[in-house]
Amino acid sequence: MLSVQVTFSNGEKFEVAGLVIAHPRATYYTNADHGILTTKNHAEWTEHHTKELDYALNNGEELLTWIQNNMNWADVKQYAKKLPMQDHNVDFEKEFLDAKFEVLEIAKS
């Protein structure tokens, strides 16, 4: 499973699970292609959403593109896992779009 590591200018690193990024992306594209979820289109919508989700979860470039162009720190901070390092003051909201992003592969447990 993929995740994205975000590195801020002070060296602090956070890991964001791929699902946190892939879910809003899948919802966006499913709504664009099939309309907003209703009881009438539930089966078709859900099938398309699952395909979009699987696609993004297995494509690091899609995860990077979505998080960098469509998300802010506020969207991910509650899910971001801080990776160990020394603390420094940084404005995460201001620096999020300029932070370093990279895809990580997570071993399934």
PDB file of N, CA and C in Angstrom:
ATOM      1  N   MET A   1       0.848  -1.182   0.000  1.00  0.00           N
ATOM      2  CA  MET A   1       0.000   0.000   0.000  1.00  0.00           C
ATOM      3  C   MET A   1       0.890   1.240   0.000  1.00  0.00           C
ATOM      4  N   LEU A   2       0.473   2.251  -0.711  1.00  0.00           N
ATOM      5  CA  LEU A   2       1.255   3.472  -0.829  1.00  0.00           C
ATOM      6  C   LEU A   2       0.816   4.523   0.182  1.00  0.00           C
ATOM      7  N   SER A   3       1.766   5.340   0.568  1.00  0.00           N
ATOM      8  CA  SER A   3       1.482   6.534   1.365  1.00  0.00           C
ATOM      9  C   SER A   3       2.366   7.634   0.806  1.00  0.00           C
ATOM     10  N   VAL A   4       2.154   8.851   1.265  1.00  0.00           N
ATOM     11  CA  VAL A   4       2.968   9.972   0.819  1.00  0.00           C
ATOM     12  C   VAL A   4       3.663  10.567   2.035  1.00  0.00           C
ATOM     13  N   GLN A   5       4.948  10.783   1.895  1.00  0.00           N
ATOM     14  CA  GLN A   5       5.717  11.437   2.942  1.00  0.00           C
ATOM     15  C   GLN A   5       5.855  12.907   2.581  1.00  0.00           C
ATOM     16  N   VAL A   6       5.529  13.770   3.543  1.00  0.00           N
ATOM     17  CA  VAL A   6       5.621  15.217   3.362  1.00  0.00           C
ATOM     18  C   VAL A   6       6.766  15.709   4.241  1.00  0.00           C
ATOM     19  N   THR A   7       7.703  16.432   3.647  1.00  0.00           N
ATOM     20  CA  THR A   7       8.832  16.971   4.395  1.00  0.00           C
ATOM     21  C   THR A   7       8.770  18.496   4.339  1.00  0.00           C
ATOM     22  N   PHE A   8       8.731  19.120   5.505  1.00  0.00           N
ATOM     23  CA  PHE A   8       8.679  20.573   5.597  1.00  0.00           C
ATOM     24  C   PHE A   8      10.089  21.156   5.665  1.00  0.00           C
ATOM     25  N   SER A   9      10.186  22.463   5.513  1.00  0.00           N
ATOM     26  CA  SER A   9      11.484  23.136   5.426  1.00  0.00           C
ATOM     27  C   SER A   9      12.358  22.937   6.664  1.00  0.00           C
ATOM     28  N   ASN A  10      11.732  22.680   7.799  1.00  0.00           N
ATOM     29  CA  ASN A  10      12.520  22.472   9.019  1.00  0.00           C
ATOM     30  C   ASN A  10      12.966  21.025   9.167  1.00  0.00           C
ATOM     31  N   GLY A  11      12.658  20.194   8.168  1.00  0.00           N
ATOM     32  CA  GLY A  11      13.062  18.798   8.194  1.00  0.00           C
ATOM     33  C   GLY A  11      12.028  17.862   8.782  1.00  0.00           C
ATOM     34  N   GLU A  12      10.967  18.421   9.370  1.00  0.00           N
ATOM     35  CA  GLU A  12       9.933  17.552   9.928  1.00  0.00           C
ATOM     36  C   GLU A  12       9.253  16.789   8.807  1.00  0.00           C
ATOM     37  N   LYS A  13       9.004  15.500   9.075  1.00  0.00           N
ATOM     38  CA  LYS A  13       8.389  14.623   8.085  1.00  0.00           C
ATOM     39  C   LYS A  13       7.103  14.037   8.642  1.00  0.00           C
ATOM     40  N   PHE A  14       6.119  13.936   7.761  1.00  0.00           N
ATOM     41  CA  PHE A  14       4.836  13.345   8.098  1.00  0.00           C
ATOM     42  C   PHE A  14       4.479  12.336   7.021  1.00  0.00           C
ATOM     43  N   GLU A  15       3.863  11.255   7.430  1.00  0.00           N
ATOM     44  CA  GLU A  15       3.382  10.246   6.493  1.00  0.00           C
ATOM     45  C   GLU A  15       1.866  10.349   6.406  1.00  0.00           C
ATOM     46  N   VAL A  16       1.349  10.428   5.187  1.00  0.00           N
ATOM     47  CA  VAL A  16      -0.088  10.498   4.946  1.00  0.00           C
ATOM     48  C   VAL A  16      -0.482   9.238   4.194  1.00  0.00           C
ATOM     49  N   ALA A  17      -1.381   8.464   4.775  1.00  0.00           N
ATOM     50  CA  ALA A  17      -1.824   7.218   4.155  1.00  0.00           C
ATOM     51  C   ALA A  17      -2.450   7.497   2.795  1.00  0.00           C
ATOM     52  N   GLY A  18      -2.192   6.622   1.851  1.00  0.00           N
ATOM     53  CA  GLY A  18      -2.728   6.769   0.507  1.00  0.00           C
ATOM     54  C   GLY A  18      -4.238   6.897   0.484  1.00  0.00           C
ATOM     55  N   LEU A  19      -4.919   6.197   1.370  1.00  0.00           N
ATOM     56  CA  LEU A  19      -6.379   6.240   1.406  1.00  0.00           C
ATOM     57  C   LEU A  19      -6.903   7.636   1.721  1.00  0.00           C
ATOM     58  N   VAL A  20      -6.182   8.383   2.552  1.00  0.00           N
ATOM     59  CA  VAL A  20      -6.580   9.751   2.896  1.00  0.00           C
ATOM     60  C   VAL A  20      -6.585  10.632   1.642  1.00  0.00           C
ATOM     61  N   ILE A  21      -5.696  10.339   0.720  1.00  0.00           N
ATOM     62  CA  ILE A  21      -5.586  11.107  -0.522  1.00  0.00           C
ATOM     63  C   ILE A  21      -6.515  10.528  -1.593  1.00  0.00           C
ATOM     64  N   ALA A  22      -6.535   9.216  -1.701  1.00  0.00           N
ATOM     65  CA  ALA A  22      -7.274   8.535  -2.776  1.00  0.00           C
ATOM     66  C   ALA A  22      -8.788   8.662  -2.632  1.00  0.00           C
ATOM     67  N   HIS A  23      -9.292   8.686  -1.405  1.00  0.00           N
ATOM     68  CA  HIS A  23     -10.752   8.720  -1.222  1.00  0.00           C
ATOM     69  C   HIS A  23     -11.388   9.996  -1.777  1.00  0.00           C
ATOM     70  N   PRO A  24     -10.912  11.196  -1.424  1.00  0.00           N
ATOM     71  CA  PRO A  24     -11.536  12.390  -2.013  1.00  0.00           C
ATOM     72  C   PRO A  24     -11.326  12.470  -3.528  1.00  0.00           C
ATOM     73  N   ARG A  25     -10.201  11.942  -4.014  1.00  0.00           N
ATOM     74  CA  ARG A  25      -9.961  11.919  -5.453  1.00  0.00           C
ATOM     75  C   ARG A  25     -10.987  11.019  -6.140  1.00  0.00           C
ATOM     76  N   ALA A  26     -11.194   9.833  -5.587  1.00  0.00           N
ATOM     77  CA  ALA A  26     -12.164   8.895  -6.163  1.00  0.00           C
ATOM     78  C   ALA A  26     -13.572   9.479  -6.131  1.00  0.00           C
ATOM     79  N   THR A  27     -13.921  10.134  -5.051  1.00  0.00           N
ATOM     80  CA  THR A  27     -15.248  10.745  -4.941  1.00  0.00           C
ATOM     81  C   THR A  27     -15.416  11.849  -5.984  1.00  0.00           C
ATOM     82  N   TYR A  28     -14.394  12.666  -6.161  1.00  0.00           N
ATOM     83  CA  TYR A  28     -14.455  13.745  -7.153  1.00  0.00           C
ATOM     84  C   TYR A  28     -14.692  13.184  -8.557  1.00  0.00           C
ATOM     85  N   TYR A  29     -13.885  12.214  -8.963  1.00  0.00           N
ATOM     86  CA  TYR A  29     -14.008  11.678 -10.317  1.00  0.00           C
ATOM     87  C   TYR A  29     -15.285  10.863 -10.507  1.00  0.00           C
ATOM     88  N   THR A  30     -15.721  10.181  -9.483  1.00  0.00           N
ATOM     89  CA  THR A  30     -16.969   9.428  -9.594  1.00  0.00           C
ATOM     90  C   THR A  30     -18.148  10.381  -9.728  1.00  0.00           C
ATOM     91  N   ASN A  31     -18.175  11.434  -8.938  1.00  0.00           N
ATOM     92  CA  ASN A  31     -19.247  12.437  -9.059  1.00  0.00           C
ATOM     93  C   ASN A  31     -19.219  13.102 -10.433  1.00  0.00           C
ATOM     94  N   ALA A  32     -18.032  13.366 -10.951  1.00  0.00           N
ATOM     95  CA  ALA A  32     -17.915  14.004 -12.263  1.00  0.00           C
ATOM     96  C   ALA A  32     -18.435  13.092 -13.369  1.00  0.00           C
ATOM     97  N   ASP A  33     -18.183  11.798 -13.245  1.00  0.00           N
ATOM     98  CA  ASP A  33     -18.575  10.847 -14.294  1.00  0.00           C
ATOM     99  C   ASP A  33     -19.992  10.308 -14.136  1.00  0.00           C
ATOM    100  N   HIS A  34     -20.469  10.185 -12.889  1.00  0.00           N
ATOM    101  CA  HIS A  34     -21.744   9.511 -12.638  1.00  0.00           C
ATOM    102  C   HIS A  34     -22.731  10.334 -11.824  1.00  0.00           C
ATOM    103  N   GLY A  35     -22.409  11.559 -11.546  1.00  0.00           N
ATOM    104  CA  GLY A  35     -23.282  12.384 -10.727  1.00  0.00           C
ATOM    105  C   GLY A  35     -23.127  12.060  -9.255  1.00  0.00           C
ATOM    106  N   ILE A  36     -23.734  12.875  -8.435  1.00  0.00           N
ATOM    107  CA  ILE A  36     -23.661  12.684  -6.990  1.00  0.00           C
ATOM    108  C   ILE A  36     -24.431  11.420  -6.618  1.00  0.00           C
ATOM    109  N   LEU A  37     -23.931  10.708  -5.619  1.00  0.00           N
ATOM    110  CA  LEU A  37     -24.521   9.447  -5.179  1.00  0.00           C
ATOM    111  C   LEU A  37     -25.985   9.623  -4.797  1.00  0.00           C
ATOM    112  N   THR A  38     -26.842   8.774  -5.360  1.00  0.00           N
ATOM    113  CA  THR A  38     -28.263   8.730  -5.018  1.00  0.00           C
ATOM    114  C   THR A  38     -28.660   7.273  -4.865  1.00  0.00           C
ATOM    115  N   THR A  39     -29.876   7.030  -4.419  1.00  0.00           N
ATOM    116  CA  THR A  39     -30.337   5.636  -4.312  1.00  0.00           C
ATOM    117  C   THR A  39     -30.486   5.000  -5.694  1.00  0.00           C
ATOM    118  N   LYS A  40     -30.765   5.804  -6.722  1.00  0.00           N
ATOM    119  CA  LYS A  40     -30.944   5.265  -8.074  1.00  0.00           C
ATOM    120  C   LYS A  40     -29.632   4.821  -8.708  1.00  0.00           C
ATOM    121  N   ASN A  41     -28.538   5.520  -8.440  1.00  0.00           N
ATOM    122  CA  ASN A  41     -27.271   5.171  -9.088  1.00  0.00           C
ATOM    123  C   ASN A  41     -26.270   4.532  -8.130  1.00  0.00           C
ATOM    124  N   HIS A  42     -26.728   4.073  -6.984  1.00  0.00           N
ATOM    125  CA  HIS A  42     -25.849   3.571  -5.929  1.00  0.00           C
ATOM    126  C   HIS A  42     -24.886   2.490  -6.417  1.00  0.00           C
ATOM    127  N   ALA A  43     -25.393   1.459  -7.093  1.00  0.00           N
ATOM    128  CA  ALA A  43     -24.542   0.341  -7.519  1.00  0.00           C
ATOM    129  C   ALA A  43     -23.484   0.797  -8.519  1.00  0.00           C
ATOM    130  N   GLU A  44     -23.893   1.546  -9.527  1.00  0.00           N
ATOM    131  CA  GLU A  44     -22.963   2.026 -10.545  1.00  0.00           C
ATOM    132  C   GLU A  44     -21.949   2.991  -9.934  1.00  0.00           C
ATOM    133  N   TRP A  45     -22.434   3.894  -9.081  1.00  0.00           N
ATOM    134  CA  TRP A  45     -21.566   4.875  -8.436  1.00  0.00           C
ATOM    135  C   TRP A  45     -20.516   4.168  -7.576  1.00  0.00           C
ATOM    136  N   THR A  46     -20.971   3.213  -6.769  1.00  0.00           N
ATOM    137  CA  THR A  46     -20.069   2.494  -5.866  1.00  0.00           C
ATOM    138  C   THR A  46     -19.020   1.705  -6.649  1.00  0.00           C
ATOM    139  N   GLU A  47     -19.435   1.075  -7.735  1.00  0.00           N
ATOM    140  CA  GLU A  47     -18.491   0.317  -8.566  1.00  0.00           C
ATOM    141  C   GLU A  47     -17.418   1.243  -9.150  1.00  0.00           C
ATOM    142  N   HIS A  48     -17.839   2.370  -9.682  1.00  0.00           N
ATOM    143  CA  HIS A  48     -16.891   3.323 -10.256  1.00  0.00           C
ATOM    144  C   HIS A  48     -15.972   3.901  -9.177  1.00  0.00           C
ATOM    145  N   HIS A  49     -16.524   4.214  -8.026  1.00  0.00           N
ATOM    146  CA  HIS A  49     -15.730   4.758  -6.911  1.00  0.00           C
ATOM    147  C   HIS A  49     -14.656   3.765  -6.491  1.00  0.00           C
ATOM    148  N   THR A  50     -15.017   2.498  -6.393  1.00  0.00           N
ATOM    149  CA  THR A  50     -14.055   1.457  -6.008  1.00  0.00           C
ATOM    150  C   THR A  50     -12.929   1.361  -7.029  1.00  0.00           C
ATOM    151  N   LYS A  51     -13.257   1.443  -8.321  1.00  0.00           N
ATOM    152  CA  LYS A  51     -12.230   1.400  -9.366  1.00  0.00           C
ATOM    153  C   LYS A  51     -11.308   2.613  -9.276  1.00  0.00           C
ATOM    154  N   GLU A  52     -11.871   3.791  -9.056  1.00  0.00           N
ATOM    155  CA  GLU A  52     -11.060   5.004  -8.916  1.00  0.00           C
ATOM    156  C   GLU A  52     -10.154   4.922  -7.687  1.00  0.00           C
ATOM    157  N   LEU A  53     -10.702   4.397  -6.611  1.00  0.00           N
ATOM    158  CA  LEU A  53      -9.938   4.240  -5.376  1.00  0.00           C
ATOM    159  C   LEU A  53      -8.767   3.297  -5.588  1.00  0.00           C
ATOM    160  N   ASP A  54      -9.032   2.136  -6.174  1.00  0.00           N
ATOM    161  CA  ASP A  54      -7.975   1.158  -6.439  1.00  0.00           C
ATOM    162  C   ASP A  54      -6.901   1.735  -7.354  1.00  0.00           C
ATOM    163  N   TYR A  55      -7.337   2.462  -8.372  1.00  0.00           N
ATOM    164  CA  TYR A  55      -6.384   3.059  -9.305  1.00  0.00           C
ATOM    165  C   TYR A  55      -5.419   3.995  -8.566  1.00  0.00           C
ATOM    166  N   ALA A  56      -5.952   4.900  -7.783  1.00  0.00           N
ATOM    167  CA  ALA A  56      -5.106   5.869  -7.082  1.00  0.00           C
ATOM    168  C   ALA A  56      -4.226   5.200  -6.035  1.00  0.00           C
ATOM    169  N   LEU A  57      -4.761   4.214  -5.339  1.00  0.00           N
ATOM    170  CA  LEU A  57      -3.993   3.545  -4.282  1.00  0.00           C
ATOM    171  C   LEU A  57      -2.810   2.756  -4.841  1.00  0.00           C
ATOM    172  N   ASN A  58      -2.828   2.484  -6.127  1.00  0.00           N
ATOM    173  CA  ASN A  58      -1.744   1.737  -6.762  1.00  0.00           C
ATOM    174  C   ASN A  58      -0.931   2.597  -7.725  1.00  0.00           C
ATOM    175  N   ASN A  59      -1.114   3.910  -7.650  1.00  0.00           N
ATOM    176  CA  ASN A  59      -0.424   4.810  -8.564  1.00  0.00           C
ATOM    177  C   ASN A  59       0.123   6.004  -7.784  1.00  0.00           C
ATOM    178  N   GLY A  60       1.388   5.921  -7.452  1.00  0.00           N
ATOM    179  CA  GLY A  60       2.021   6.971  -6.661  1.00  0.00           C
ATOM    180  C   GLY A  60       1.957   8.347  -7.298  1.00  0.00           C
ATOM    181  N   GLU A  61       2.084   8.408  -8.612  1.00  0.00           N
ATOM    182  CA  GLU A  61       2.018   9.707  -9.289  1.00  0.00           C
ATOM    183  C   GLU A  61       0.647  10.354  -9.123  1.00  0.00           C
ATOM    184  N   GLU A  62      -0.417   9.553  -9.168  1.00  0.00           N
ATOM    185  CA  GLU A  62      -1.765  10.084  -8.952  1.00  0.00           C
ATOM    186  C   GLU A  62      -1.908  10.635  -7.542  1.00  0.00           C
ATOM    187  N   LEU A  63      -1.369   9.905  -6.555  1.00  0.00           N
ATOM    188  CA  LEU A  63      -1.432  10.379  -5.166  1.00  0.00           C
ATOM    189  C   LEU A  63      -0.681  11.701  -5.019  1.00  0.00           C
ATOM    190  N   LEU A  64       0.509  11.778  -5.604  1.00  0.00           N
ATOM    191  CA  LEU A  64       1.289  13.017  -5.521  1.00  0.00           C
ATOM    192  C   LEU A  64       0.574  14.172  -6.205  1.00  0.00           C
ATOM    193  N   THR A  65       0.058  13.924  -7.388  1.00  0.00           N
ATOM    194  CA  THR A  65      -0.636  14.981  -8.130  1.00  0.00           C
ATOM    195  C   THR A  65      -1.833  15.488  -7.348  1.00  0.00           C
ATOM    196  N   TRP A  66      -2.608  14.565  -6.768  1.00  0.00           N
ATOM    197  CA  TRP A  66      -3.820  14.977  -6.051  1.00  0.00           C
ATOM    198  C   TRP A  66      -3.476  15.746  -4.780  1.00  0.00           C
ATOM    199  N   ILE A  67      -2.560  15.239  -3.975  1.00  0.00           N
ATOM    200  CA  ILE A  67      -2.253  15.917  -2.704  1.00  0.00           C
ATOM    201  C   ILE A  67      -1.622  17.284  -2.958  1.00  0.00           C
ATOM    202  N   GLN A  68      -0.798  17.406  -3.982  1.00  0.00           N
ATOM    203  CA  GLN A  68      -0.129  18.676  -4.241  1.00  0.00           C
ATOM    204  C   GLN A  68      -1.043  19.707  -4.892  1.00  0.00           C
ATOM    205  N   ASN A  69      -2.005  19.274  -5.677  1.00  0.00           N
ATOM    206  CA  ASN A  69      -2.848  20.212  -6.416  1.00  0.00           C
ATOM    207  C   ASN A  69      -4.251  20.400  -5.859  1.00  0.00           C
ATOM    208  N   ASN A  70      -4.687  19.504  -4.982  1.00  0.00           N
ATOM    209  CA  ASN A  70      -6.081  19.546  -4.540  1.00  0.00           C
ATOM    210  C   ASN A  70      -6.277  19.477  -3.026  1.00  0.00           C
ATOM    211  N   MET A  71      -5.196  19.416  -2.290  1.00  0.00           N
ATOM    212  CA  MET A  71      -5.333  19.301  -0.838  1.00  0.00           C
ATOM    213  C   MET A  71      -4.469  20.353  -0.151  1.00  0.00           C
ATOM    214  N   ASN A  72      -4.819  20.636   1.088  1.00  0.00           N
ATOM    215  CA  ASN A  72      -4.060  21.543   1.944  1.00  0.00           C
ATOM    216  C   ASN A  72      -3.692  20.793   3.222  1.00  0.00           C
ATOM    217  N   TRP A  73      -2.820  21.383   4.000  1.00  0.00           N
ATOM    218  CA  TRP A  73      -2.414  20.789   5.267  1.00  0.00           C
ATOM    219  C   TRP A  73      -3.639  20.512   6.143  1.00  0.00           C
ATOM    220  N   ALA A  74      -4.595  21.430   6.129  1.00  0.00           N
ATOM    221  CA  ALA A  74      -5.804  21.255   6.942  1.00  0.00           C
ATOM    222  C   ALA A  74      -6.569  19.989   6.556  1.00  0.00           C
ATOM    223  N   ASP A  75      -6.464  19.566   5.300  1.00  0.00           N
ATOM    224  CA  ASP A  75      -7.159  18.357   4.840  1.00  0.00           C
ATOM    225  C   ASP A  75      -6.522  17.078   5.366  1.00  0.00           C
ATOM    226  N   VAL A  76      -5.234  17.124   5.648  1.00  0.00           N
ATOM    227  CA  VAL A  76      -4.525  15.887   5.999  1.00  0.00           C
ATOM    228  C   VAL A  76      -3.953  15.857   7.410  1.00  0.00           C
ATOM    229  N   LYS A  77      -3.879  17.005   8.077  1.00  0.00           N
ATOM    230  CA  LYS A  77      -3.126  17.039   9.340  1.00  0.00           C
ATOM    231  C   LYS A  77      -3.663  16.103  10.411  1.00  0.00           C
ATOM    232  N   GLN A  78      -4.966  15.880  10.469  1.00  0.00           N
ATOM    233  CA  GLN A  78      -5.489  14.988  11.504  1.00  0.00           C
ATOM    234  C   GLN A  78      -5.131  13.525  11.230  1.00  0.00           C
ATOM    235  N   TYR A  79      -4.761  13.210   9.986  1.00  0.00           N
ATOM    236  CA  TYR A  79      -4.402  11.837   9.616  1.00  0.00           C
ATOM    237  C   TYR A  79      -2.899  11.645   9.467  1.00  0.00           C
ATOM    238  N   ALA A  80      -2.165  12.745   9.383  1.00  0.00           N
ATOM    239  CA  ALA A  80      -0.726  12.671   9.148  1.00  0.00           C
ATOM    240  C   ALA A  80      -0.013  12.122  10.383  1.00  0.00           C
ATOM    241  N   LYS A  81       0.851  11.155  10.135  1.00  0.00           N
ATOM    242  CA  LYS A  81       1.645  10.553  11.212  1.00  0.00           C
ATOM    243  C   LYS A  81       3.016  11.224  11.208  1.00  0.00           C
ATOM    244  N   LYS A  82       3.318  11.898  12.311  1.00  0.00           N
ATOM    245  CA  LYS A  82       4.608  12.578  12.400  1.00  0.00           C
ATOM    246  C   LYS A  82       5.710  11.540  12.568  1.00  0.00           C
ATOM    247  N   LEU A  83       6.709  11.661  11.734  1.00  0.00           N
ATOM    248  CA  LEU A  83       7.842  10.760  11.811  1.00  0.00           C
ATOM    249  C   LEU A  83       8.863  11.356  12.769  1.00  0.00           C
ATOM    250  N   PRO A  84       9.584  10.525  13.496  1.00  0.00           N
ATOM    251  CA  PRO A  84      10.494  11.009  14.538  1.00  0.00           C
ATOM    252  C   PRO A  84      11.569  11.965  14.017  1.00  0.00           C
ATOM    253  N   MET A  85      11.775  13.030  14.758  1.00  0.00           N
ATOM    254  CA  MET A  85      12.862  13.996  14.554  1.00  0.00           C
ATOM    255  C   MET A  85      12.753  15.089  15.597  1.00  0.00           C
ATOM    256  N   GLN A  86      13.715  15.993  15.654  1.00  0.00           N
ATOM    257  CA  GLN A  86      13.659  17.063  16.631  1.00  0.00           C
ATOM    258  C   GLN A  86      12.646  18.127  16.215  1.00  0.00           C
ATOM    259  N   ASP A  87      12.037  18.776  17.201  1.00  0.00           N
ATOM    260  CA  ASP A  87      11.000  19.774  16.957  1.00  0.00           C
ATOM    261  C   ASP A  87      11.590  21.146  16.627  1.00  0.00           C
ATOM    262  N   HIS A  88      10.942  21.848  15.690  1.00  0.00           N
ATOM    263  CA  HIS A  88      11.252  23.235  15.326  1.00  0.00           C
ATOM    264  C   HIS A  88       9.928  23.916  15.022  1.00  0.00           C
ATOM    265  N   ASN A  89       9.883  25.228  15.126  1.00  0.00           N
ATOM    266  CA  ASN A  89       8.663  25.965  14.798  1.00  0.00           C
ATOM    267  C   ASN A  89       8.533  26.098  13.285  1.00  0.00           C
ATOM    268  N   VAL A  90       7.340  25.787  12.760  1.00  0.00           N
ATOM    269  CA  VAL A  90       7.076  25.919  11.330  1.00  0.00           C
ATOM    270  C   VAL A  90       5.585  26.174  11.136  1.00  0.00           C
ATOM    271  N   ASP A  91       5.254  26.990  10.143  1.00  0.00           N
ATOM    272  CA  ASP A  91       3.855  27.248   9.791  1.00  0.00           C
ATOM    273  C   ASP A  91       3.458  26.222   8.734  1.00  0.00           C
ATOM    274  N   PHE A  92       2.884  25.083   9.172  1.00  0.00           N
ATOM    275  CA  PHE A  92       2.555  23.981   8.267  1.00  0.00           C
ATOM    276  C   PHE A  92       1.554  24.403   7.195  1.00  0.00           C
ATOM    277  N   GLU A  93       0.593  25.223   7.552  1.00  0.00           N
ATOM    278  CA  GLU A  93      -0.412  25.656   6.580  1.00  0.00           C
ATOM    279  C   GLU A  93       0.254  26.443   5.443  1.00  0.00           C
ATOM    280  N   LYS A  94       1.152  27.345   5.798  1.00  0.00           N
ATOM    281  CA  LYS A  94       1.824  28.178   4.807  1.00  0.00           C
ATOM    282  C   LYS A  94       2.769  27.367   3.923  1.00  0.00           C
ATOM    283  N   GLU A  95       3.463  26.405   4.511  1.00  0.00           N
ATOM    284  CA  GLU A  95       4.495  25.666   3.786  1.00  0.00           C
ATOM    285  C   GLU A  95       3.990  24.413   3.076  1.00  0.00           C
ATOM    286  N   PHE A  96       2.762  24.000   3.293  1.00  0.00           N
ATOM    287  CA  PHE A  96       2.283  22.723   2.766  1.00  0.00           C
ATOM    288  C   PHE A  96       2.500  22.584   1.260  1.00  0.00           C
ATOM    289  N   LEU A  97       2.143  23.585   0.485  1.00  0.00           N
ATOM    290  CA  LEU A  97       2.243  23.475  -0.972  1.00  0.00           C
ATOM    291  C   LEU A  97       3.688  23.467  -1.468  1.00  0.00           C
ATOM    292  N   ASP A  98       4.613  23.988  -0.662  1.00  0.00           N
ATOM    293  CA  ASP A  98       6.019  24.002  -1.046  1.00  0.00           C
ATOM    294  C   ASP A  98       6.819  22.881  -0.397  1.00  0.00           C
ATOM    295  N   ALA A  99       6.160  22.050   0.392  1.00  0.00           N
ATOM    296  CA  ALA A  99       6.847  20.960   1.073  1.00  0.00           C
ATOM    297  C   ALA A  99       7.297  19.910   0.067  1.00  0.00           C
ATOM    298  N   LYS A 100       8.220  19.089   0.469  1.00  0.00           N
ATOM    299  CA  LYS A 100       8.694  17.988  -0.371  1.00  0.00           C
ATOM    300  C   LYS A 100       7.729  16.816  -0.195  1.00  0.00           C
ATOM    301  N   PHE A 101       7.282  16.237  -1.303  1.00  0.00           N
ATOM    302  CA  PHE A 101       6.371  15.096  -1.281  1.00  0.00           C
ATOM    303  C   PHE A 101       7.062  13.911  -1.945  1.00  0.00           C
ATOM    304  N   GLU A 102       6.869  12.715  -1.386  1.00  0.00           N
ATOM    305  CA  GLU A 102       7.367  11.507  -2.035  1.00  0.00           C
ATOM    306  C   GLU A 102       6.464  10.332  -1.687  1.00  0.00           C
ATOM    307  N   VAL A 103       6.359   9.376  -2.607  1.00  0.00           N
ATOM    308  CA  VAL A 103       5.528   8.204  -2.419  1.00  0.00           C
ATOM    309  C   VAL A 103       6.325   7.143  -1.676  1.00  0.00           C
ATOM    310  N   LEU A 104       5.686   6.500  -0.712  1.00  0.00           N
ATOM    311  CA  LEU A 104       6.305   5.413   0.037  1.00  0.00           C
ATOM    312  C   LEU A 104       5.480   4.152  -0.173  1.00  0.00           C
ATOM    313  N   GLU A 105       6.149   3.031  -0.222  1.00  0.00           N
ATOM    314  CA  GLU A 105       5.426   1.761  -0.310  1.00  0.00           C
ATOM    315  C   GLU A 105       5.425   1.157   1.078  1.00  0.00           C
ATOM    316  N   ILE A 106       4.214   0.803   1.562  1.00  0.00           N
ATOM    317  CA  ILE A 106       4.031   0.255   2.893  1.00  0.00           C
ATOM    318  C   ILE A 106       3.840  -1.253   2.782  1.00  0.00           C
ATOM    319  N   ALA A 107       4.567  -1.996   3.551  1.00  0.00           N
ATOM    320  CA  ALA A 107       4.393  -3.450   3.557  1.00  0.00           C
ATOM    321  C   ALA A 107       3.056  -3.788   4.197  1.00  0.00           C
ATOM    322  N   LYS A 108       2.305  -4.693   3.560  1.00  0.00           N
ATOM    323  CA  LYS A 108       1.018  -5.116   4.123  1.00  0.00           C
ATOM    324  C   LYS A 108       1.280  -5.988   5.331  1.00  0.00           C
ATOM    325  N   SER A 109       0.479  -5.768   6.375  1.00  0.00           N
ATOM    326  CA  SER A 109       0.676  -6.576   7.594  1.00  0.00           C
ATOM    327  C   SER A 109      -0.422  -7.589   7.747  1.00  0.00           C
TER     328      SER A 109
END
